[in-house]
Amino acid sequence: MAGILVTRTLVGIAALSLVAGCMEGMNPLAKKEDSAIAASPGQTATRSVERDIEAPDVFQASEKGLWDGRPSLGGVWVAHPDVKEPERVIIRNESNGSFVIGALFRRERTNPGPRIEVSSDAAEALGMLAGAPVDITVTALRREEAGAPEADAVITPAEELAAPAEVETQSLDPIAAAEAAIDAPAPDAVPAPAPQTSNLSKPYVQIGIFSIQANANRTAEQMRKLGLKTEVLTATIKDKPYWRVIVGPAMSATERAETLTKVKAAGFTDAYSVTD
């Protein structure tokens, strides 16, 4: 009898606790993380986007580069006598537009000829021939995190939402609808628009080079919302993919300048003109 009385007492206490929790406006069975995702009215969620940006103020050299034809160790790298600290860099072959991301080291020995020494792996990626100097641009890279607002993440109070409009429904005769669809004339074929061509040597604006595809896609979508024609190009170097985001092509120098202004105003201050 005493055991039954104790059991009933405990059940009564639990029921009172549950009722008290409901009166306070909280659900005692709710997960704790539910309160963590609540946002104040009008709050906009942001997501951190990591991207590579060029940092010419850290290091940049545009001069002849040379691969001596011998195999080298260490993967993709270049060496230059003015380097103070090893850097992560983007290396461009200006003669064919190829590029590769690799390491930059200090060149200890100074030999006759070009000051930029190119490793065998870098030369292969850049399309360089042994013993043939080419114009090389080496620019330091830095990682940058930018808060990109999410377009559909604005939270609106429920009381501000408009009531759904009434929709008038009408039953359709399936046989009559099918006959109307058969008798309807076929729409005229719309010719595909001719691809645009530009006379500019560098009609595109490069937004950035990304090592994460999702970041490149989000940046491209941000550019499209500005009304800019945007492409995401993929390059694979040494089995490692990279994604470039470019805008264009511009049909005139004026249009290209306006595009650069829009892109930089959106926060991509390191954007610049490229061939493609």
Protein backbone atom coordinates (compact mmCIF):
# COMPACT_ATOMS: atom_id res chain seq x y z
CA MET A 1 0.00 0.00 0.00
CA ALA A 2 2.84 2.38 0.88
CA GLY A 3 4.53 1.57 -2.43
CA ILE A 4 1.39 2.44 -4.38
CA LEU A 5 1.09 5.74 -2.50
CA VAL A 6 4.72 6.71 -3.30
CA THR A 7 4.25 5.86 -6.98
CA ARG A 8 1.12 8.01 -7.24
CA THR A 9 2.92 10.89 -5.53
CA LEU A 10 5.82 10.80 -8.02
CA VAL A 11 3.45 10.70 -10.97
CA GLY A 12 1.59 13.70 -9.60
CA ILE A 13 4.80 15.71 -9.18
CA ALA A 14 5.87 14.93 -12.76
CA ALA A 15 2.49 16.02 -14.10
CA LEU A 16 2.63 19.29 -12.19
CA SER A 17 6.15 19.97 -13.58
CA LEU A 18 4.96 19.41 -17.13
CA VAL A 19 1.99 21.77 -16.67
CA ALA A 20 4.24 24.43 -15.17
CA GLY A 21 6.59 24.18 -18.14
CA CYS A 22 3.71 24.70 -20.56
CA MET A 23 2.47 27.72 -18.61
CA GLU A 24 5.88 29.33 -18.90
CA GLY A 25 5.62 29.03 -22.70
CA MET A 26 8.39 26.42 -22.93
CA ASN A 27 8.30 22.80 -23.99
CA PRO A 28 10.33 20.75 -21.48
CA LEU A 29 10.69 17.98 -24.07
CA ALA A 30 12.06 20.27 -26.79
CA LYS A 31 15.68 19.90 -27.91
CA LYS A 32 18.06 22.49 -26.59
CA GLU A 33 19.31 23.36 -30.02
CA ASP A 34 15.86 24.63 -31.02
CA SER A 35 16.49 27.82 -29.06
CA ALA A 36 19.90 28.27 -30.64
CA ILE A 37 18.48 28.69 -34.15
CA ALA A 38 15.92 31.34 -33.20
CA ALA A 39 16.50 34.75 -34.76
CA SER A 40 15.09 38.16 -34.11
CA PRO A 41 12.62 39.62 -36.65
CA GLY A 42 14.32 40.82 -39.82
CA GLN A 43 17.65 39.13 -38.99
CA THR A 44 19.66 37.94 -41.99
CA ALA A 45 21.72 34.77 -41.71
CA THR A 46 25.28 34.85 -43.07
CA ARG A 47 27.67 32.13 -44.15
CA SER A 48 31.44 32.39 -44.15
CA VAL A 49 32.97 31.94 -47.61
CA GLU A 50 36.67 31.20 -47.82
CA ARG A 51 38.47 32.15 -51.00
CA ASP A 52 41.95 32.78 -52.33
CA ILE A 53 42.83 36.36 -53.16
CA GLU A 54 45.94 37.64 -54.86
CA ALA A 55 48.26 39.71 -52.67
CA PRO A 56 50.72 41.51 -54.95
CA ASP A 57 51.75 43.73 -52.04
CA VAL A 58 53.20 40.61 -50.38
CA PHE A 59 55.04 39.39 -53.49
CA GLN A 60 54.69 39.75 -57.24
CA ALA A 61 57.20 39.32 -60.04
CA SER A 62 56.58 39.51 -63.80
CA GLU A 63 59.64 38.47 -65.74
CA LYS A 64 61.19 35.61 -67.68
CA GLY A 65 61.10 32.15 -66.12
CA LEU A 66 63.08 29.07 -67.07
CA TRP A 67 62.92 25.32 -66.59
CA ASP A 68 66.36 23.85 -67.17
CA GLY A 69 64.98 20.50 -68.33
CA ARG A 70 66.03 18.47 -65.31
CA PRO A 71 63.49 16.63 -63.10
CA SER A 72 63.06 18.28 -59.70
CA LEU A 73 61.64 17.24 -56.35
CA GLY A 74 59.02 19.02 -54.26
CA GLY A 75 56.10 19.24 -56.70
CA VAL A 76 54.93 22.58 -58.14
CA TRP A 77 57.16 25.48 -57.15
CA VAL A 78 59.17 28.44 -58.40
CA ALA A 79 62.18 30.16 -56.89
CA HIS A 80 63.23 33.82 -56.98
CA PRO A 81 66.21 35.59 -55.36
CA ASP A 82 64.04 38.40 -53.84
CA VAL A 83 61.92 36.05 -51.71
CA LYS A 84 62.17 36.53 -47.94
CA GLU A 85 59.72 33.86 -46.73
CA PRO A 86 58.16 30.84 -48.52
CA GLU A 87 54.75 31.74 -49.94
CA ARG A 88 51.74 30.11 -51.55
CA VAL A 89 51.45 31.63 -55.03
CA ILE A 90 49.64 31.52 -58.33
CA ILE A 91 52.00 31.11 -61.29
CA ARG A 92 50.87 32.25 -64.74
CA ASN A 93 52.36 31.56 -68.14
CA GLU A 94 51.50 34.81 -69.91
CA SER A 95 52.20 33.33 -73.35
CA ASN A 96 49.40 30.73 -73.24
CA GLY A 97 47.21 31.77 -70.29
CA SER A 98 47.94 28.63 -68.25
CA PHE A 99 48.21 28.94 -64.48
CA VAL A 100 48.98 26.72 -61.51
CA ILE A 101 49.00 27.20 -57.74
CA GLY A 102 52.18 26.18 -55.97
CA ALA A 103 54.96 27.25 -53.62
CA LEU A 104 57.50 30.08 -53.85
CA PHE A 105 60.99 29.70 -52.39
CA ARG A 106 64.13 31.80 -52.22
CA ARG A 107 66.62 31.06 -54.95
CA GLU A 108 69.97 30.71 -53.27
CA ARG A 109 72.15 30.41 -56.34
CA THR A 110 72.20 33.07 -59.03
CA ASN A 111 72.90 31.60 -62.45
CA PRO A 112 73.07 33.42 -65.77
CA GLY A 113 69.69 33.83 -67.43
CA PRO A 114 66.16 34.39 -66.05
CA ARG A 115 65.84 34.89 -62.29
CA ILE A 116 62.67 32.79 -61.92
CA GLU A 117 63.53 29.11 -61.65
CA VAL A 118 60.64 26.75 -62.46
CA SER A 119 60.29 23.17 -61.19
CA SER A 120 59.63 20.33 -63.63
CA ASP A 121 56.08 19.79 -62.32
CA ALA A 122 55.27 23.51 -62.62
CA ALA A 123 56.74 23.59 -66.13
CA GLU A 124 54.54 20.67 -67.16
CA ALA A 125 51.41 22.36 -65.81
CA LEU A 126 52.30 25.64 -67.52
CA GLY A 127 53.18 24.08 -70.88
CA MET A 128 56.84 25.19 -70.75
CA LEU A 129 59.59 23.62 -72.80
CA ALA A 130 63.01 22.82 -71.39
CA GLY A 131 65.53 25.62 -71.87
CA ALA A 132 62.95 28.01 -73.40
CA PRO A 133 62.36 31.15 -71.27
CA VAL A 134 58.76 32.41 -71.12
CA ASP A 135 57.05 35.39 -69.50
CA ILE A 136 55.96 34.34 -66.01
CA THR A 137 53.92 36.23 -63.41
CA VAL A 138 54.16 35.00 -59.82
CA THR A 139 51.73 36.47 -57.27
CA ALA A 140 51.33 35.63 -53.59
CA LEU A 141 47.97 34.29 -52.39
CA ARG A 142 46.12 34.84 -49.14
CA ARG A 143 43.02 33.17 -47.73
CA GLU A 144 40.11 35.51 -47.00
CA GLU A 145 36.81 34.82 -45.25
CA ALA A 146 33.89 36.94 -46.34
CA GLY A 147 30.41 36.82 -44.88
CA ALA A 148 28.07 36.19 -47.79
CA PRO A 149 24.42 36.94 -46.98
CA GLU A 150 22.02 34.15 -47.83
CA ALA A 151 19.26 35.35 -50.13
CA ASP A 152 16.46 33.31 -48.56
CA ALA A 153 17.57 33.56 -44.93
CA VAL A 154 15.64 36.70 -43.92
CA ILE A 155 13.29 35.78 -41.09
CA THR A 156 9.98 37.67 -41.09
CA PRO A 157 7.60 37.75 -38.10
CA ALA A 158 4.54 35.56 -38.60
CA GLU A 159 2.18 38.45 -37.94
CA GLU A 160 3.62 40.42 -40.87
CA LEU A 161 2.90 37.68 -43.40
CA ALA A 162 -0.06 38.41 -45.65
CA ALA A 163 -2.99 36.00 -45.56
CA PRO A 164 -3.09 33.70 -48.59
CA ALA A 165 -5.45 34.85 -51.31
CA GLU A 166 -8.46 32.72 -52.05
CA VAL A 167 -8.01 30.53 -55.10
CA GLU A 168 -10.99 29.78 -57.28
CA THR A 169 -11.02 26.19 -58.43
CA GLN A 170 -12.90 24.69 -61.36
CA SER A 171 -13.23 21.08 -62.44
CA LEU A 172 -11.94 20.31 -65.92
CA ASP A 173 -13.19 17.75 -68.32
CA PRO A 174 -10.14 15.51 -68.96
CA ILE A 175 -11.35 14.44 -72.42
CA ALA A 176 -12.00 18.02 -73.57
CA ALA A 177 -8.65 19.14 -72.20
CA ALA A 178 -6.85 16.35 -74.07
CA GLU A 179 -8.63 17.22 -77.34
CA ALA A 180 -7.72 20.90 -76.92
CA ALA A 181 -4.09 20.00 -76.36
CA ILE A 182 -4.02 17.86 -79.52
CA ASP A 183 -5.66 20.54 -81.67
CA ALA A 184 -3.41 23.34 -80.38
CA PRO A 185 -0.77 24.42 -82.93
CA ALA A 186 2.81 23.56 -82.12
CA PRO A 187 4.81 26.57 -80.94
CA ASP A 188 7.35 27.98 -83.34
CA ALA A 189 10.91 26.94 -82.63
CA VAL A 190 12.96 29.77 -81.13
CA PRO A 191 16.44 29.93 -82.65
CA ALA A 192 19.30 29.81 -80.18
CA PRO A 193 20.95 33.19 -79.67
CA ALA A 194 24.28 33.63 -81.40
CA PRO A 195 27.26 33.54 -79.01
CA GLN A 196 28.62 36.97 -78.15
CA THR A 197 32.11 37.86 -79.25
CA SER A 198 34.25 40.73 -78.06
CA ASN A 199 37.11 42.58 -79.70
CA LEU A 200 38.77 43.25 -76.32
CA SER A 201 41.94 41.31 -75.55
CA LYS A 202 40.72 40.83 -71.95
CA PRO A 203 36.91 40.96 -72.05
CA TYR A 204 36.30 39.01 -68.82
CA VAL A 205 36.60 40.01 -65.16
CA GLN A 206 37.95 37.34 -62.83
CA ILE A 207 36.32 37.36 -59.40
CA GLY A 208 38.57 34.79 -57.75
CA ILE A 209 40.07 31.30 -57.73
CA PHE A 210 38.51 28.86 -55.27
CA SER A 211 39.63 25.52 -53.91
CA ILE A 212 36.05 24.70 -52.74
CA GLN A 213 33.39 24.38 -55.44
CA ALA A 214 30.50 25.41 -53.17
CA ASN A 215 32.20 28.73 -52.45
CA ALA A 216 32.70 29.36 -56.17
CA ASN A 217 29.04 28.57 -56.89
CA ARG A 218 27.82 30.90 -54.13
CA THR A 219 30.02 33.71 -55.44
CA ALA A 220 28.75 33.13 -58.99
CA GLU A 221 25.14 33.28 -57.79
CA GLN A 222 25.91 36.55 -56.00
CA MET A 223 27.24 38.00 -59.27
CA ARG A 224 24.18 36.81 -61.21
CA LYS A 225 21.91 38.63 -58.76
CA LEU A 226 23.78 41.80 -59.73
CA GLY A 227 22.69 41.19 -63.33
CA LEU A 228 26.14 39.99 -64.49
CA LYS A 229 26.67 37.05 -66.83
CA THR A 230 28.82 34.69 -64.77
CA GLU A 231 30.65 31.43 -65.42
CA VAL A 232 32.41 28.94 -63.13
CA LEU A 233 35.36 27.31 -64.90
CA THR A 234 37.05 24.17 -63.61
CA ALA A 235 40.77 23.44 -63.88
CA THR A 236 42.48 20.29 -62.62
CA ILE A 237 46.16 20.51 -61.84
CA LYS A 238 48.01 17.50 -60.47
CA ASP A 239 44.66 15.82 -59.72
CA LYS A 240 43.60 18.79 -57.57
CA PRO A 241 40.60 20.78 -58.84
CA TYR A 242 40.24 24.56 -58.75
CA TRP A 243 37.28 26.72 -59.71
CA ARG A 244 37.54 30.17 -61.32
CA VAL A 245 34.63 32.59 -61.31
CA ILE A 246 34.58 35.02 -64.24
CA VAL A 247 32.09 37.63 -65.47
CA GLY A 248 31.61 38.66 -69.09
CA PRO A 249 32.43 38.99 -71.86
CA ALA A 250 32.29 42.77 -72.05
CA MET A 251 31.62 44.20 -75.50
CA SER A 252 33.51 47.44 -74.85
CA ALA A 253 36.05 48.96 -72.52
CA THR A 254 33.27 51.05 -70.97
CA GLU A 255 31.17 47.99 -70.21
CA ARG A 256 34.18 46.23 -68.71
CA ALA A 257 34.91 49.22 -66.47
CA GLU A 258 31.27 49.29 -65.30
CA THR A 259 31.45 45.57 -64.54
CA LEU A 260 34.62 46.04 -62.49
CA THR A 261 32.93 48.83 -60.55
CA LYS A 262 29.94 46.60 -59.69
CA VAL A 263 32.13 43.66 -58.72
CA LYS A 264 34.40 45.71 -56.46
CA ALA A 265 31.41 47.43 -54.86
CA ALA A 266 30.15 43.93 -53.94
CA GLY A 267 33.33 43.36 -51.92
CA PHE A 268 35.59 41.65 -54.48
CA THR A 269 38.19 44.42 -54.59
CA ASP A 270 40.89 42.13 -56.01
CA ALA A 271 38.97 41.43 -59.27
CA TYR A 272 40.82 42.15 -62.52
CA SER A 273 40.48 41.71 -66.30
CA VAL A 274 41.49 38.42 -67.93
CA THR A 275 41.46 36.87 -71.40
CA ASP A 276 39.10 34.03 -70.42
